C-alpha atoms as a PDB file:
ATOM      1  CA  MET A   1     271.334 -38.573  49.077  1.00  0.00           C
ATOM      2  CA  LEU A   2     274.696 -36.772  48.881  1.00  0.00           C
ATOM      3  CA  LYS A   3     275.626 -33.694  50.894  1.00  0.00           C
ATOM      4  CA  LEU A   4     278.693 -31.449  51.030  1.00  0.00           C
ATOM      5  CA  ASP A   5     279.102 -29.470  54.239  1.00  0.00           C
ATOM      6  CA  ALA A   6     281.696 -26.649  54.406  1.00  0.00           C
ATOM      7  CA  VAL A   7     284.117 -28.656  52.244  1.00  0.00           C
ATOM      8  CA  ALA A   8     287.616 -27.314  51.611  1.00  0.00           C
ATOM      9  CA  LYS A   9     290.665 -28.612  49.769  1.00  0.00           C
ATOM     10  CA  ILE A  10     294.059 -27.102  50.588  1.00  0.00           C
ATOM     11  CA  TYR A  11     297.239 -28.188  48.802  1.00  0.00           C
ATOM     12  CA  LYS A  12     300.799 -27.753  50.038  1.00  0.00           C
ATOM     13  CA  VAL A  13     302.901 -26.095  47.349  1.00  0.00           C
ATOM     14  CA  GLY A  14     306.485 -24.927  46.951  1.00  0.00           C
ATOM     15  CA  ALA A  15     309.755 -26.831  46.966  1.00  0.00           C
ATOM     16  CA  PHE A  16     309.260 -28.117  50.507  1.00  0.00           C
ATOM     17  CA  GLY A  17     305.527 -27.634  50.874  1.00  0.00           C
ATOM     18  CA  GLY A  18     306.043 -24.458  52.850  1.00  0.00           C
ATOM     19  CA  ARG A  19     303.114 -22.655  51.255  1.00  0.00           C
ATOM     20  CA  THR A  20     299.484 -23.586  50.822  1.00  0.00           C
ATOM     21  CA  LEU A  21     297.009 -23.192  47.992  1.00  0.00           C
ATOM     22  CA  THR A  22     293.289 -23.251  48.740  1.00  0.00           C
ATOM     23  CA  ALA A  23     291.611 -24.810  45.710  1.00  0.00           C
ATOM     24  CA  VAL A  24     288.142 -25.125  47.273  1.00  0.00           C
ATOM     25  CA  ASP A  25     286.822 -23.360  50.341  1.00  0.00           C
ATOM     26  CA  ASP A  26     283.569 -23.648  52.314  1.00  0.00           C
ATOM     27  CA  VAL A  27     281.560 -25.430  49.602  1.00  0.00           C
ATOM     28  CA  GLY A  28     278.210 -26.782  50.690  1.00  0.00           C
ATOM     29  CA  PHE A  29     275.171 -28.109  48.812  1.00  0.00           C
ATOM     30  CA  GLU A  30     273.212 -31.338  48.488  1.00  0.00           C
ATOM     31  CA  ILE A  31     271.828 -33.487  45.691  1.00  0.00           C
ATOM     32  CA  ARG A  32     268.716 -35.625  46.029  1.00  0.00           C
ATOM     33  CA  SER A  33     267.674 -38.793  44.231  1.00  0.00           C
ATOM     34  CA  GLY A  34     266.372 -38.132  40.739  1.00  0.00           C
ATOM     35  CA  GLU A  35     267.925 -34.668  40.613  1.00  0.00           C
ATOM     36  CA  VAL A  36     270.566 -33.155  38.347  1.00  0.00           C
ATOM     37  CA  VAL A  37     272.603 -30.328  39.874  1.00  0.00           C
ATOM     38  CA  SER A  38     274.923 -28.358  37.596  1.00  0.00           C
ATOM     39  CA  LEU A  39     278.239 -27.209  39.051  1.00  0.00           C
ATOM     40  CA  ILE A  40     279.264 -24.329  36.811  1.00  0.00           C
ATOM     41  CA  GLY A  41     282.397 -22.216  36.660  1.00  0.00           C
ATOM     42  CA  GLU A  42     285.379 -21.240  34.552  1.00  0.00           C
ATOM     43  CA  SER A  43     288.511 -23.362  34.317  1.00  0.00           C
ATOM     44  CA  GLY A  44     290.347 -23.290  37.644  1.00  0.00           C
ATOM     45  CA  SER A  45     287.249 -22.465  39.678  1.00  0.00           C
ATOM     46  CA  GLY A  46     287.528 -25.708  41.671  1.00  0.00           C
ATOM     47  CA  LYS A  47     284.545 -27.561  40.242  1.00  0.00           C
ATOM     48  CA  SER A  48     286.501 -30.633  39.105  1.00  0.00           C
ATOM     49  CA  THR A  49     288.222 -30.749  42.496  1.00  0.00           C
ATOM     50  CA  VAL A  50     284.771 -30.924  44.083  1.00  0.00           C
ATOM     51  CA  GLY A  51     283.865 -33.803  41.761  1.00  0.00           C
ATOM     52  CA  ARG A  52     287.048 -35.689  42.641  1.00  0.00           C
ATOM     53  CA  MET A  53     286.371 -35.227  46.364  1.00  0.00           C
ATOM     54  CA  VAL A  54     282.850 -36.576  45.925  1.00  0.00           C
ATOM     55  CA  LEU A  55     284.354 -39.636  44.229  1.00  0.00           C
ATOM     56  CA  GLY A  56     286.943 -40.062  46.974  1.00  0.00           C
ATOM     57  CA  LEU A  57     289.795 -39.559  44.519  1.00  0.00           C
ATOM     58  CA  THR A  58     290.973 -36.458  46.397  1.00  0.00           C
ATOM     59  CA  ALA A  59     290.899 -36.245  50.186  1.00  0.00           C
ATOM     60  CA  VAL A  60     288.853 -33.530  51.876  1.00  0.00           C
ATOM     61  CA  THR A  61     291.013 -31.148  53.915  1.00  0.00           C
ATOM     62  CA  ARG A  62     288.173 -29.679  55.937  1.00  0.00           C
ATOM     63  CA  GLY A  63     284.432 -30.263  56.160  1.00  0.00           C
ATOM     64  CA  SER A  64     282.605 -33.445  55.208  1.00  0.00           C
ATOM     65  CA  ILE A  65     280.858 -35.225  52.357  1.00  0.00           C
ATOM     66  CA  THR A  66     278.101 -37.626  53.353  1.00  0.00           C
ATOM     67  CA  TYR A  67     276.234 -40.218  51.330  1.00  0.00           C
ATOM     68  CA  ASP A  68     272.908 -41.356  52.789  1.00  0.00           C
ATOM     69  CA  GLY A  69     274.012 -39.824  56.089  1.00  0.00           C
ATOM     70  CA  ALA A  70     277.407 -41.574  56.291  1.00  0.00           C
ATOM     71  CA  ASP A  71     280.720 -39.763  55.864  1.00  0.00           C
ATOM     72  CA  ILE A  72     282.243 -41.138  52.662  1.00  0.00           C
ATOM     73  CA  ALA A  73     285.695 -41.099  54.289  1.00  0.00           C
ATOM     74  CA  THR A  74     284.496 -43.904  56.582  1.00  0.00           C
ATOM     75  CA  LEU A  75     282.790 -46.019  53.917  1.00  0.00           C
ATOM     76  CA  PRO A  76     284.536 -49.036  52.345  1.00  0.00           C
ATOM     77  CA  ARG A  77     285.681 -48.003  48.869  1.00  0.00           C
ATOM     78  CA  LYS A  78     284.215 -51.033  47.118  1.00  0.00           C
ATOM     79  CA  ALA A  79     280.790 -50.528  48.686  1.00  0.00           C
ATOM     80  CA  TYR A  80     280.820 -46.795  47.935  1.00  0.00           C
ATOM     81  CA  TYR A  81     281.796 -47.239  44.297  1.00  0.00           C
ATOM     82  CA  ARG A  82     279.001 -49.723  43.840  1.00  0.00           C
ATOM     83  CA  SER A  83     276.602 -46.808  44.363  1.00  0.00           C
ATOM     84  CA  VAL A  84     278.652 -43.808  43.202  1.00  0.00           C
ATOM     85  CA  GLN A  85     280.605 -43.593  39.951  1.00  0.00           C
ATOM     86  CA  GLY A  86     282.143 -40.904  37.746  1.00  0.00           C
ATOM     87  CA  VAL A  87     282.484 -40.260  34.037  1.00  0.00           C
ATOM     88  CA  PHE A  88     285.157 -37.789  32.977  1.00  0.00           C
ATOM     89  CA  GLN A  89     285.944 -35.285  30.260  1.00  0.00           C
ATOM     90  CA  ASP A  90     288.293 -37.305  28.047  1.00  0.00           C
ATOM     91  CA  PRO A  91     286.874 -40.781  27.353  1.00  0.00           C
ATOM     92  CA  PHE A  92     290.001 -41.827  25.430  1.00  0.00           C
ATOM     93  CA  SER A  93     292.176 -41.474  28.546  1.00  0.00           C
ATOM     94  CA  CYS A  94     289.906 -43.926  30.421  1.00  0.00           C
ATOM     95  CA  TYR A  95     290.800 -46.875  28.182  1.00  0.00           C
ATOM     96  CA  ASN A  96     294.029 -48.781  27.698  1.00  0.00           C
ATOM     97  CA  PRO A  97     294.664 -48.549  23.926  1.00  0.00           C
ATOM     98  CA  VAL A  98     296.036 -52.115  23.735  1.00  0.00           C
ATOM     99  CA  PHE A  99     292.859 -53.647  25.188  1.00  0.00           C
ATOM    100  CA  LYS A 100     289.458 -53.865  23.561  1.00  0.00           C
ATOM    101  CA  ALA A 101     286.881 -51.448  24.939  1.00  0.00           C
ATOM    102  CA  ASP A 102     284.648 -54.119  26.452  1.00  0.00           C
ATOM    103  CA  ARG A 103     287.444 -55.004  28.875  1.00  0.00           C
ATOM    104  CA  VAL A 104     285.880 -52.378  31.177  1.00  0.00           C
ATOM    105  CA  PHE A 105     282.916 -54.741  31.564  1.00  0.00           C
ATOM    106  CA  ARG A 106     285.112 -57.738  32.293  1.00  0.00           C
ATOM    107  CA  MET A 107     286.873 -55.801  35.043  1.00  0.00           C
ATOM    108  CA  ILE A 108     283.505 -54.993  36.643  1.00  0.00           C
ATOM    109  CA  LYS A 109     282.550 -58.665  36.585  1.00  0.00           C
ATOM    110  CA  GLU A 110     285.840 -59.789  38.115  1.00  0.00           C
ATOM    111  CA  GLU A 111     285.615 -57.223  40.921  1.00  0.00           C
ATOM    112  CA  TYR A 112     281.908 -57.140  41.756  1.00  0.00           C
ATOM    113  CA  PHE A 113     280.155 -60.120  40.151  1.00  0.00           C
ATOM    114  CA  PRO A 114     282.611 -63.059  40.063  1.00  0.00           C
ATOM    115  CA  ARG A 115     279.855 -65.641  40.647  1.00  0.00           C
ATOM    116  CA  VAL A 116     277.496 -64.469  37.917  1.00  0.00           C
ATOM    117  CA  ALA A 117     277.265 -66.994  35.086  1.00  0.00           C
ATOM    118  CA  ALA A 118     278.521 -65.903  31.670  1.00  0.00           C
ATOM    119  CA  PRO A 119     275.102 -66.003  29.892  1.00  0.00           C
ATOM    120  CA  GLU A 120     273.508 -63.908  32.657  1.00  0.00           C
ATOM    121  CA  TRP A 121     276.391 -61.439  32.538  1.00  0.00           C
ATOM    122  CA  ASP A 122     276.171 -61.110  28.760  1.00  0.00           C
ATOM    123  CA  ALA A 123     272.469 -60.347  29.117  1.00  0.00           C
ATOM    124  CA  LYS A 124     273.234 -57.650  31.714  1.00  0.00           C
ATOM    125  CA  ILE A 125     275.796 -56.073  29.367  1.00  0.00           C
ATOM    126  CA  GLU A 126     273.321 -56.009  26.490  1.00  0.00           C
ATOM    127  CA  GLU A 127     270.707 -54.406  28.733  1.00  0.00           C
ATOM    128  CA  SER A 128     273.106 -51.700  29.914  1.00  0.00           C
ATOM    129  CA  LEU A 129     274.234 -50.997  26.339  1.00  0.00           C
ATOM    130  CA  ASP A 130     270.618 -50.729  25.259  1.00  0.00           C
ATOM    131  CA  ASP A 131     270.047 -48.203  28.054  1.00  0.00           C
ATOM    132  CA  VAL A 132     272.716 -45.937  26.538  1.00  0.00           C
ATOM    133  CA  ARG A 133     271.514 -46.603  22.981  1.00  0.00           C
ATOM    134  CA  LEU A 134     274.516 -48.620  21.795  1.00  0.00           C
ATOM    135  CA  ASN A 135     274.425 -51.672  19.561  1.00  0.00           C
ATOM    136  CA  PRO A 136     276.566 -54.437  21.159  1.00  0.00           C
ATOM    137  CA  ALA A 137     277.616 -55.722  17.740  1.00  0.00           C
ATOM    138  CA  GLN A 138     279.016 -52.304  16.838  1.00  0.00           C
ATOM    139  CA  VAL A 139     281.050 -51.634  19.989  1.00  0.00           C
ATOM    140  CA  LEU A 140     281.958 -54.879  21.730  1.00  0.00           C
ATOM    141  CA  GLY A 141     285.263 -56.343  20.607  1.00  0.00           C
ATOM    142  CA  LYS A 142     286.512 -53.003  19.255  1.00  0.00           C
ATOM    143  CA  TYR A 143     289.658 -51.147  20.280  1.00  0.00           C
ATOM    144  CA  PRO A 144     289.200 -47.614  21.662  1.00  0.00           C
ATOM    145  CA  HIS A 145     290.638 -45.980  18.518  1.00  0.00           C
ATOM    146  CA  GLN A 146     287.967 -47.757  16.462  1.00  0.00           C
ATOM    147  CA  LEU A 147     285.149 -46.025  18.362  1.00  0.00           C
ATOM    148  CA  SER A 148     284.045 -42.417  18.517  1.00  0.00           C
ATOM    149  CA  GLY A 149     284.289 -40.261  21.617  1.00  0.00           C
ATOM    150  CA  GLY A 150     280.530 -40.429  22.038  1.00  0.00           C
ATOM    151  CA  GLN A 151     280.538 -44.230  21.887  1.00  0.00           C
ATOM    152  CA  LEU A 152     283.369 -44.455  24.421  1.00  0.00           C
ATOM    153  CA  GLN A 153     281.596 -42.012  26.727  1.00  0.00           C
ATOM    154  CA  ARG A 154     278.382 -44.021  26.589  1.00  0.00           C
ATOM    155  CA  LEU A 155     280.322 -47.231  27.214  1.00  0.00           C
ATOM    156  CA  LEU A 156     281.596 -45.684  30.451  1.00  0.00           C
ATOM    157  CA  ILE A 157     278.051 -44.772  31.461  1.00  0.00           C
ATOM    158  CA  ALA A 158     276.918 -48.317  30.622  1.00  0.00           C
ATOM    159  CA  ARG A 159     279.704 -49.646  32.851  1.00  0.00           C
ATOM    160  CA  ALA A 160     278.384 -47.509  35.706  1.00  0.00           C
ATOM    161  CA  LEU A 161     274.837 -48.758  35.097  1.00  0.00           C
ATOM    162  CA  LEU A 162     276.002 -52.364  35.454  1.00  0.00           C
ATOM    163  CA  LEU A 163     276.642 -51.582  39.113  1.00  0.00           C
ATOM    164  CA  ASP A 164     273.090 -50.272  39.541  1.00  0.00           C
ATOM    165  CA  ILE A 165     274.534 -46.989  40.786  1.00  0.00           C
ATOM    166  CA  LYS A 166     272.490 -44.354  42.586  1.00  0.00           C
ATOM    167  CA  PHE A 167     274.722 -41.329  41.954  1.00  0.00           C
ATOM    168  CA  LEU A 168     276.843 -40.186  39.007  1.00  0.00           C
ATOM    169  CA  VAL A 169     279.507 -37.481  38.808  1.00  0.00           C
ATOM    170  CA  ALA A 170     279.530 -36.307  35.179  1.00  0.00           C
ATOM    171  CA  ASP A 171     282.628 -34.120  34.813  1.00  0.00           C
ATOM    172  CA  GLU A 172     282.654 -32.211  31.504  1.00  0.00           C
ATOM    173  CA  ILE A 173     281.418 -35.339  29.763  1.00  0.00           C
ATOM    174  CA  THR A 174     280.244 -33.506  26.635  1.00  0.00           C
ATOM    175  CA  SER A 175     283.156 -31.111  26.074  1.00  0.00           C
ATOM    176  CA  MET A 176     284.907 -33.388  23.563  1.00  0.00           C
ATOM    177  CA  LEU A 177     281.764 -34.415  21.687  1.00  0.00           C
ATOM    178  CA  ASP A 178     280.176 -32.958  18.578  1.00  0.00           C
ATOM    179  CA  ALA A 179     276.802 -31.239  18.851  1.00  0.00           C
ATOM    180  CA  SER A 180     274.641 -34.186  17.753  1.00  0.00           C
ATOM    181  CA  THR A 181     276.381 -36.655  20.070  1.00  0.00           C
ATOM    182  CA  ARG A 182     276.317 -34.115  22.891  1.00  0.00           C
ATOM    183  CA  ILE A 183     272.539 -33.870  22.870  1.00  0.00           C
ATOM    184  CA  ASP A 184     272.274 -37.683  22.868  1.00  0.00           C
ATOM    185  CA  VAL A 185     274.393 -37.882  26.036  1.00  0.00           C
ATOM    186  CA  LEU A 186     272.396 -35.091  27.702  1.00  0.00           C
ATOM    187  CA  ASN A 187     269.115 -36.797  26.868  1.00  0.00           C
ATOM    188  CA  LEU A 188     270.545 -39.993  28.303  1.00  0.00           C
ATOM    189  CA  LEU A 189     271.271 -38.177  31.582  1.00  0.00           C
ATOM    190  CA  ALA A 190     267.703 -36.884  31.608  1.00  0.00           C
ATOM    191  CA  ASP A 191     266.429 -40.437  31.133  1.00  0.00           C
ATOM    192  CA  LEU A 192     268.628 -41.751  33.960  1.00  0.00           C
ATOM    193  CA  LYS A 193     267.406 -38.937  36.193  1.00  0.00           C
ATOM    194  CA  SER A 194     263.810 -40.009  35.574  1.00  0.00           C
ATOM    195  CA  ARG A 195     264.759 -43.447  36.967  1.00  0.00           C
ATOM    196  CA  GLY A 196     265.945 -41.914  40.230  1.00  0.00           C
ATOM    197  CA  LEU A 197     269.655 -41.396  39.539  1.00  0.00           C
ATOM    198  CA  GLY A 198     271.230 -38.358  41.209  1.00  0.00           C
ATOM    199  CA  VAL A 199     273.716 -36.507  38.990  1.00  0.00           C
ATOM    200  CA  LEU A 200     276.371 -33.874  39.697  1.00  0.00           C
ATOM    201  CA  PHE A 201     276.861 -32.309  36.254  1.00  0.00           C
ATOM    202  CA  VAL A 202     280.196 -30.482  36.244  1.00  0.00           C
ATOM    203  CA  THR A 203     280.516 -28.053  33.335  1.00  0.00           C
ATOM    204  CA  HIS A 204     281.792 -24.666  32.206  1.00  0.00           C
ATOM    205  CA  ASP A 205     279.065 -24.493  29.527  1.00  0.00           C
ATOM    206  CA  LEU A 206     276.099 -22.552  30.872  1.00  0.00           C
ATOM    207  CA  SER A 207     273.748 -23.592  28.078  1.00  0.00           C
ATOM    208  CA  LEU A 208     274.256 -27.275  28.885  1.00  0.00           C
ATOM    209  CA  GLY A 209     273.710 -26.665  32.580  1.00  0.00           C
ATOM    210  CA  ASN A 210     270.512 -24.803  31.818  1.00  0.00           C
ATOM    211  CA  TYR A 211     269.320 -27.625  29.576  1.00  0.00           C
ATOM    212  CA  VAL A 212     269.843 -30.541  31.923  1.00  0.00           C
ATOM    213  CA  SER A 213     269.581 -29.431  35.561  1.00  0.00           C
ATOM    214  CA  GLU A 214     266.939 -28.441  38.103  1.00  0.00           C
ATOM    215  CA  ARG A 215     269.374 -26.588  40.359  1.00  0.00           C
ATOM    216  CA  THR A 216     272.607 -24.743  39.639  1.00  0.00           C
ATOM    217  CA  VAL A 217     275.674 -24.061  41.772  1.00  0.00           C
ATOM    218  CA  VAL A 218     278.078 -21.393  40.448  1.00  0.00           C
ATOM    219  CA  MET A 219     281.727 -21.469  41.563  1.00  0.00           C
ATOM    220  CA  HIS A 220     284.449 -18.851  41.242  1.00  0.00           C
ATOM    221  CA  ARG A 221     287.999 -19.073  42.611  1.00  0.00           C
ATOM    222  CA  GLY A 222     287.114 -22.032  44.833  1.00  0.00           C
ATOM    223  CA  HIS A 223     283.981 -20.497  46.353  1.00  0.00           C
ATOM    224  CA  VAL A 224     280.287 -20.990  45.716  1.00  0.00           C
ATOM    225  CA  VAL A 225     279.034 -17.549  44.694  1.00  0.00           C
ATOM    226  CA  GLU A 226     275.440 -18.395  43.827  1.00  0.00           C
ATOM    227  CA  MET A 227     273.082 -21.355  43.944  1.00  0.00           C
ATOM    228  CA  GLY A 228     269.409 -21.978  43.452  1.00  0.00           C
ATOM    229  CA  LEU A 229     266.806 -23.205  40.993  1.00  0.00           C
ATOM    230  CA  THR A 230     268.316 -23.145  37.504  1.00  0.00           C
ATOM    231  CA  ASP A 231     265.639 -20.923  35.980  1.00  0.00           C
ATOM    232  CA  LYS A 232     266.058 -18.418  38.826  1.00  0.00           C
ATOM    233  CA  VAL A 233     269.853 -18.325  38.583  1.00  0.00           C
ATOM    234  CA  PHE A 234     269.790 -17.968  34.797  1.00  0.00           C
ATOM    235  CA  THR A 235     266.961 -15.449  34.482  1.00  0.00           C
ATOM    236  CA  ASP A 236     267.683 -13.375  37.583  1.00  0.00           C
ATOM    237  CA  PRO A 237     271.389 -13.702  38.542  1.00  0.00           C
ATOM    238  CA  ARG A 238     272.115 -11.868  41.777  1.00  0.00           C
ATOM    239  CA  HIS A 239     275.907 -12.195  41.859  1.00  0.00           C
ATOM    240  CA  PRO A 240     278.115 -10.062  39.544  1.00  0.00           C
ATOM    241  CA  TYR A 241     280.170 -13.064  38.453  1.00  0.00           C
ATOM    242  CA  THR A 242     277.085 -15.074  37.451  1.00  0.00           C
ATOM    243  CA  ALA A 243     275.731 -12.095  35.537  1.00  0.00           C
ATOM    244  CA  LYS A 244     279.015 -11.709  33.650  1.00  0.00           C
ATOM    245  CA  LEU A 245     279.134 -15.414  32.824  1.00  0.00           C
ATOM    246  CA  LEU A 246     275.650 -15.207  31.340  1.00  0.00           C
ATOM    247  CA  SER A 247     276.461 -12.042  29.395  1.00  0.00           C
ATOM    248  CA  SER A 248     279.510 -13.803  27.900  1.00  0.00           C
ATOM    249  CA  VAL A 249     277.512 -16.615  26.297  1.00  0.00           C
ATOM    250  CA  PRO A 250     277.576 -16.233  22.484  1.00  0.00           C
ATOM    251  CA  GLN A 251     274.180 -15.599  20.901  1.00  0.00           C
ATOM    252  CA  LEU A 252     273.125 -17.114  17.561  1.00  0.00           C
ATOM    253  CA  THR A 253     271.560 -13.825  16.500  1.00  0.00           C
ATOM    254  CA  THR A 254     274.545 -11.625  17.465  1.00  0.00           C
ATOM    255  CA  LYS A 255     277.790 -11.221  15.526  1.00  0.00           C
ATOM    256  CA  TRP A 256     281.120 -11.089  17.342  1.00  0.00           C
ATOM    257  CA  ASP A 257     281.798  -7.513  16.208  1.00  0.00           C
ATOM    258  CA  ASP A 258     278.460  -6.380  17.667  1.00  0.00           C
ATOM    259  CA  THR A 259     279.099  -7.879  21.093  1.00  0.00           C
ATOM    260  CA  PRO A 260     280.441  -5.461  23.737  1.00  0.00           C
ATOM    261  CA  ALA A 261     283.480  -6.556  25.733  1.00  0.00           C
ATOM    262  CA  VAL A 262     282.718  -8.012  29.142  1.00  0.00           C
ATOM    263  CA  PRO A 263     284.925  -6.547  31.903  1.00  0.00           C
ATOM    264  CA  LEU A 264     286.705  -8.845  34.320  1.00  0.00           C
ATOM    265  CA  ASP A 265     286.332  -8.413  38.057  1.00  0.00           C
ATOM    266  CA  ILE A 266     288.486  -9.445  40.991  1.00  0.00           C
ATOM    267  CA  LEU A 267     286.404 -10.515  43.962  1.00  0.00           C
ATOM    268  CA  ASP A 268     287.690 -10.311  47.515  1.00  0.00           C
ATOM    269  CA  TYR A 269     286.291 -13.130  49.645  1.00  0.00           C
ATOM    270  CA  GLY A 270     287.880 -12.016  52.893  1.00  0.00           C
ATOM    271  CA  ALA A 271     284.603 -11.593  54.770  1.00  0.00           C
ATOM    272  CA  ALA A 272     282.156 -13.036  52.264  1.00  0.00           C
ATOM    273  CA  ALA A 273     279.202 -15.215  53.191  1.00  0.00           C
ATOM    274  CA  LEU A 274     276.263 -16.853  51.456  1.00  0.00           C
ATOM    275  CA  VAL A 275     272.964 -15.113  52.096  1.00  0.00           C
ATOM    276  CA  GLU A 276     269.452 -16.075  51.035  1.00  0.00           C
ATOM    277  CA  VAL A 277     268.046 -13.396  48.734  1.00  0.00           C
ATOM    278  CA  GLU A 278     264.826 -15.369  48.285  1.00  0.00           C
ATOM    279  CA  PRO A 279     263.716 -18.881  49.291  1.00  0.00           C
ATOM    280  CA  GLY A 280     266.260 -21.385  47.956  1.00  0.00           C
ATOM    281  CA  HIS A 281     268.339 -18.755  46.141  1.00  0.00           C
ATOM    282  CA  LEU A 282     271.697 -18.187  47.849  1.00  0.00           C
ATOM    283  CA  VAL A 283     274.216 -15.526  46.836  1.00  0.00           C
ATOM    284  CA  ARG A 284     277.680 -14.795  48.142  1.00  0.00           C
ATOM    285  CA  GLN A 285     278.144 -11.240  49.384  1.00  0.00           C
ATOM    286  CA  GLU A 286     281.600  -9.876  48.628  1.00  0.00           C
ATOM    287  CA  GLN A 287     283.606  -7.727  50.970  1.00  0.00           C
ATOM    288  CA  SER A 288     284.617  -5.703  47.943  1.00  0.00           C
ATOM    289  CA  LEU A 289     284.240  -5.752  44.165  1.00  0.00           C
ATOM    290  CA  ARG A 290     286.739  -3.871  42.031  1.00  0.00           C
ATOM    291  CA  SER A 291     287.208  -3.787  38.282  1.00  0.00           C
ATOM    292  CA  VAL A 292     290.619  -4.434  36.754  1.00  0.00           C
ATOM    293  CA  ASN A 293     289.729  -2.468  33.600  1.00  0.00           C
END
């Protein structure tokens, strides 16, 4: 369905753009229909930049992203967004506070379905809200501040479903939600996956990635350091960074004072390359690995 091939994003920085900053370098993986792939990494690892490039919000500097075999840079934006949509970390920032929340549905109708009769459109809205387990009477006609973060997040997913999308970029969509609402949204993603939706689940929370995805891609400092089946990556991490991420996850049965400190490492990617340590399990080999402690 969607494939990234040696994708890089390089920004010009400095007063006159005389220097460059490589945010993402040589990233490649693919996502099939009905599959959830977790893109995991710490803040600043480049995972959100990858999501924005997939959505066409940030231009690719090098490499390519293809959807159903076509380079997304060549696809008409309106046609592409009818199949591919994104939901982001902060649902409140996605709404204009002076407009009622259901305005997002009216904008979809004006742009994509101008000829659909009002009764038919209302029925489509109710169906999409039912898919995300929202009661139309409780959310339609409300201002964003009158709804919870979980309700606003599910409204955005319902908006995407109105377009009958095939692929969703979910960028940290649960980070601002409480635990009970978070599991509802994750279960919703699992339900959408069962209907054939492909999902790129961008997160820094390893437990959520483990819960929702079949395959996992781990990023560090703009590079993919490990990828493979989620159970393989989580139970048998082959890259030092992945192992340290997993060892840093708080345990319910362990107190803070009993947890040993996890050392930080600086990885040199000068001559690094992904190698296959077993079928479908790729690991980046570092030129050097040195501890800063």
